[in-house]
Amino acid sequence: MVWDSYIEYLKSEDWRERRKVLIDEAGGLCADCGEKGKQLHHENYDNLGCEELDVDVVLLCTDCHNERHGNKDDMKGYGDYGN
């Protein structure tokens, strides 16, 4: 499926289902610090809809996800998609 925007994809049922699978594959732990992870960080956008863990996305806790993005204010709310 082709998505008109990244945000549209993050709000989709497809992402919600894919997210659950990827979090399970990651064992629920942040790839950076080992704490409980809740947010998937896209390393690239090449495979939206069929992301692979540790290739396209990594599971991160909120603090590590913010750090990956340089603690940008525009990251607020992204963690809510797919919950």
C-alpha atoms as a PDB file:
ATOM      1  CA  MET A   1       0.000   0.000   0.000  1.00  0.00           C
ATOM      2  CA  VAL A   2       1.209   3.507  -0.792  1.00  0.00           C
ATOM      3  CA  TRP A   3       0.793   6.163   1.876  1.00  0.00           C
ATOM      4  CA  ASP A   4       0.183   9.843   1.102  1.00  0.00           C
ATOM      5  CA  SER A   5       2.078  10.846   4.226  1.00  0.00           C
ATOM      6  CA  TYR A   6       4.104   9.354   7.023  1.00  0.00           C
ATOM      7  CA  ILE A   7       1.631  10.681   9.604  1.00  0.00           C
ATOM      8  CA  GLU A   8      -1.253   9.015   7.738  1.00  0.00           C
ATOM      9  CA  TYR A   9       0.645   5.726   7.956  1.00  0.00           C
ATOM     10  CA  LEU A  10       1.328   6.143  11.684  1.00  0.00           C
ATOM     11  CA  LYS A  11      -2.394   6.667  12.290  1.00  0.00           C
ATOM     12  CA  SER A  12      -3.391   3.566  10.302  1.00  0.00           C
ATOM     13  CA  GLU A  13      -4.572   0.183  11.522  1.00  0.00           C
ATOM     14  CA  ASP A  14      -1.778  -1.351   9.404  1.00  0.00           C
ATOM     15  CA  TRP A  15       0.829   0.470  11.496  1.00  0.00           C
ATOM     16  CA  ARG A  16      -0.949  -0.408  14.751  1.00  0.00           C
ATOM     17  CA  GLU A  17      -0.778  -4.111  13.875  1.00  0.00           C
ATOM     18  CA  ARG A  18       2.777  -3.970  12.518  1.00  0.00           C
ATOM     19  CA  ARG A  19       3.888  -2.051  15.611  1.00  0.00           C
ATOM     20  CA  LYS A  20       2.609  -4.797  17.939  1.00  0.00           C
ATOM     21  CA  VAL A  21       4.521  -7.453  16.009  1.00  0.00           C
ATOM     22  CA  LEU A  22       7.749  -5.441  16.016  1.00  0.00           C
ATOM     23  CA  ILE A  23       7.526  -4.651  19.738  1.00  0.00           C
ATOM     24  CA  ASP A  24       7.035  -8.360  20.461  1.00  0.00           C
ATOM     25  CA  GLU A  25      10.020  -9.226  18.238  1.00  0.00           C
ATOM     26  CA  ALA A  26      12.146  -6.735  20.204  1.00  0.00           C
ATOM     27  CA  GLY A  27      11.143  -8.353  23.485  1.00  0.00           C
ATOM     28  CA  GLY A  28       9.690  -5.031  24.647  1.00  0.00           C
ATOM     29  CA  LEU A  29      13.115  -3.594  25.487  1.00  0.00           C
ATOM     30  CA  CYS A  30      14.770  -0.391  24.326  1.00  0.00           C
ATOM     31  CA  ALA A  31      17.593  -1.097  21.871  1.00  0.00           C
ATOM     32  CA  ASP A  32      19.722   1.687  23.373  1.00  0.00           C
ATOM     33  CA  CYS A  33      19.384   1.330  27.154  1.00  0.00           C
ATOM     34  CA  GLY A  34      17.548  -1.954  27.801  1.00  0.00           C
ATOM     35  CA  GLU A  35      14.644  -0.344  29.667  1.00  0.00           C
ATOM     36  CA  LYS A  36      11.026  -0.932  28.650  1.00  0.00           C
ATOM     37  CA  GLY A  37      10.538   0.354  25.098  1.00  0.00           C
ATOM     38  CA  LYS A  38       7.307   1.865  23.814  1.00  0.00           C
ATOM     39  CA  GLN A  39       8.245   3.710  20.627  1.00  0.00           C
ATOM     40  CA  LEU A  40       9.517   2.439  17.312  1.00  0.00           C
ATOM     41  CA  HIS A  41      12.060   4.682  15.636  1.00  0.00           C
ATOM     42  CA  HIS A  42      12.310   4.485  11.860  1.00  0.00           C
ATOM     43  CA  GLU A  43      15.940   4.266  10.768  1.00  0.00           C
ATOM     44  CA  ASN A  44      14.691   4.618   7.186  1.00  0.00           C
ATOM     45  CA  TYR A  45      11.385   4.840   5.343  1.00  0.00           C
ATOM     46  CA  ASP A  46      12.131   2.383   2.550  1.00  0.00           C
ATOM     47  CA  ASN A  47       9.757  -0.367   3.683  1.00  0.00           C
ATOM     48  CA  LEU A  48       6.723   1.340   5.221  1.00  0.00           C
ATOM     49  CA  GLY A  49       4.160  -1.348   5.917  1.00  0.00           C
ATOM     50  CA  CYS A  50       6.689  -4.185   6.000  1.00  0.00           C
ATOM     51  CA  GLU A  51       9.389  -2.832   8.308  1.00  0.00           C
ATOM     52  CA  GLU A  52      11.977  -5.203   9.719  1.00  0.00           C
ATOM     53  CA  LEU A  53      13.292  -4.884  13.259  1.00  0.00           C
ATOM     54  CA  ASP A  54      16.895  -3.615  13.468  1.00  0.00           C
ATOM     55  CA  VAL A  55      16.871  -2.876   9.726  1.00  0.00           C
ATOM     56  CA  ASP A  56      14.092  -0.339   9.274  1.00  0.00           C
ATOM     57  CA  VAL A  57      13.033   0.310  12.875  1.00  0.00           C
ATOM     58  CA  VAL A  58      14.334  -0.062  16.420  1.00  0.00           C
ATOM     59  CA  LEU A  59      12.352  -0.135  19.648  1.00  0.00           C
ATOM     60  CA  LEU A  60      13.235   2.685  22.043  1.00  0.00           C
ATOM     61  CA  CYS A  61      12.064   4.089  25.359  1.00  0.00           C
ATOM     62  CA  THR A  62      10.757   7.661  25.281  1.00  0.00           C
ATOM     63  CA  ASP A  63      14.013   9.172  26.567  1.00  0.00           C
ATOM     64  CA  CYS A  64      16.195   7.360  24.023  1.00  0.00           C
ATOM     65  CA  HIS A  65      13.769   8.159  21.199  1.00  0.00           C
ATOM     66  CA  ASN A  66      13.905  11.845  22.109  1.00  0.00           C
ATOM     67  CA  GLU A  67      17.697  11.663  22.227  1.00  0.00           C
ATOM     68  CA  ARG A  68      17.834  10.094  18.760  1.00  0.00           C
ATOM     69  CA  HIS A  69      15.886  13.102  17.517  1.00  0.00           C
ATOM     70  CA  GLY A  70      17.962  15.600  19.462  1.00  0.00           C
ATOM     71  CA  ASN A  71      15.154  16.258  21.974  1.00  0.00           C
ATOM     72  CA  LYS A  72      13.259  18.271  19.355  1.00  0.00           C
ATOM     73  CA  ASP A  73       9.950  19.756  20.447  1.00  0.00           C
ATOM     74  CA  ASP A  74       8.353  18.560  17.207  1.00  0.00           C
ATOM     75  CA  MET A  75       8.689  14.962  18.453  1.00  0.00           C
ATOM     76  CA  LYS A  76       5.986  15.528  21.060  1.00  0.00           C
ATOM     77  CA  GLY A  77       2.996  13.381  20.239  1.00  0.00           C
ATOM     78  CA  TYR A  78       4.740  10.944  17.912  1.00  0.00           C
ATOM     79  CA  GLY A  79       4.838   8.324  20.639  1.00  0.00           C
ATOM     80  CA  ASP A  80       1.055   8.366  20.736  1.00  0.00           C
ATOM     81  CA  TYR A  81       0.617   6.936  17.238  1.00  0.00           C
ATOM     82  CA  GLY A  82      -0.216   3.270  17.236  1.00  0.00           C
ATOM     83  CA  ASN A  83      -0.944   3.015  20.936  1.00  0.00           C
END
